[in-house]
Amino acid sequence: MPGDKSTAIGELRGLQSRPHMNYWYYFWVANFILAGSGFALITLIVLVRGLGDLRDMFANLRREAQRPR
């Protein structure tokens, strides 16, 4: 019934009895922050360590290209 107050009150009680849902929200937010931070850290490590390797590779390629055949 559209005018049934007991159903509306039951729905309000159902919504109010869900405070534990906030814990899941914070759990997933913390996991998202942790995963994003881990990804950023790994990206920085690969960038810093890989930059020297790329420089060496391009220097070797230049030397090979300039070498007389």
Protein backbone atom coordinates (compact mmCIF):
# COMPACT_ATOMS: atom_id res chain seq x y z
CA MET A 1 0.00 0.00 0.00
CA PRO A 2 1.38 3.43 -0.86
CA GLY A 3 0.23 5.03 2.38
CA ASP A 4 1.42 2.25 4.68
CA LYS A 5 3.52 3.88 7.41
CA SER A 6 4.85 0.60 8.79
CA THR A 7 6.69 -0.10 5.52
CA ALA A 8 8.23 3.38 5.45
CA ILE A 9 9.35 3.08 9.07
CA GLY A 10 10.77 -0.38 8.35
CA GLU A 11 12.75 1.02 5.42
CA LEU A 12 14.13 3.84 7.58
CA ARG A 13 15.14 1.37 10.27
CA GLY A 14 16.80 -0.78 7.60
CA LEU A 15 18.81 2.20 6.36
CA GLN A 16 19.78 3.25 9.87
CA SER A 17 20.90 -0.24 10.82
CA ARG A 18 23.71 -0.25 8.23
CA PRO A 19 26.53 1.72 9.86
CA HIS A 20 28.93 -1.16 9.15
CA MET A 21 28.81 -0.25 5.46
CA ASN A 22 31.10 2.69 6.26
CA TYR A 23 33.83 0.23 7.20
CA TRP A 24 33.70 -1.33 3.73
CA TYR A 25 33.90 2.12 2.18
CA TYR A 26 37.03 2.99 4.15
CA PHE A 27 38.47 -0.46 3.50
CA TRP A 28 38.19 0.00 -0.28
CA VAL A 29 39.39 3.61 -0.17
CA ALA A 30 42.47 2.50 1.78
CA ASN A 31 43.07 -0.35 -0.68
CA PHE A 32 42.74 2.03 -3.62
CA ILE A 33 45.22 4.46 -2.06
CA LEU A 34 47.62 1.63 -1.25
CA ALA A 35 47.41 0.19 -4.77
CA GLY A 36 47.84 3.62 -6.37
CA SER A 37 50.81 4.42 -4.17
CA GLY A 38 52.40 1.06 -4.95
CA PHE A 39 51.90 1.59 -8.66
CA ALA A 40 53.43 5.08 -8.47
CA LEU A 41 56.41 3.78 -6.49
CA ILE A 42 57.07 0.94 -8.92
CA THR A 43 56.74 3.36 -11.85
CA LEU A 44 59.31 5.69 -10.31
CA ILE A 45 61.73 2.84 -9.64
CA VAL A 46 61.43 1.55 -13.21
CA LEU A 47 61.80 5.08 -14.58
CA VAL A 48 64.91 5.89 -12.55
CA ARG A 49 66.65 2.55 -13.06
CA GLY A 50 65.56 2.18 -16.68
CA LEU A 51 66.67 5.64 -17.74
CA GLY A 52 70.35 4.70 -17.43
CA ASP A 53 69.76 1.51 -19.40
CA LEU A 54 68.06 3.44 -22.18
CA ARG A 55 70.94 5.91 -22.35
CA ASP A 56 73.42 3.03 -22.62
CA MET A 57 71.36 1.35 -25.31
CA PHE A 58 71.10 4.49 -27.44
CA ALA A 59 74.82 5.23 -26.97
CA ASN A 60 75.65 1.69 -28.21
CA LEU A 61 73.32 2.11 -31.18
CA ARG A 62 75.00 5.44 -32.09
CA ARG A 63 78.45 3.86 -31.88
CA GLU A 64 77.39 0.97 -34.10
CA ALA A 65 75.80 3.34 -36.62
CA GLN A 66 78.94 5.50 -36.79
CA ARG A 67 81.35 2.56 -37.07
CA PRO A 68 82.77 2.19 -40.58
CA ARG A 69 81.86 -1.03 -42.36
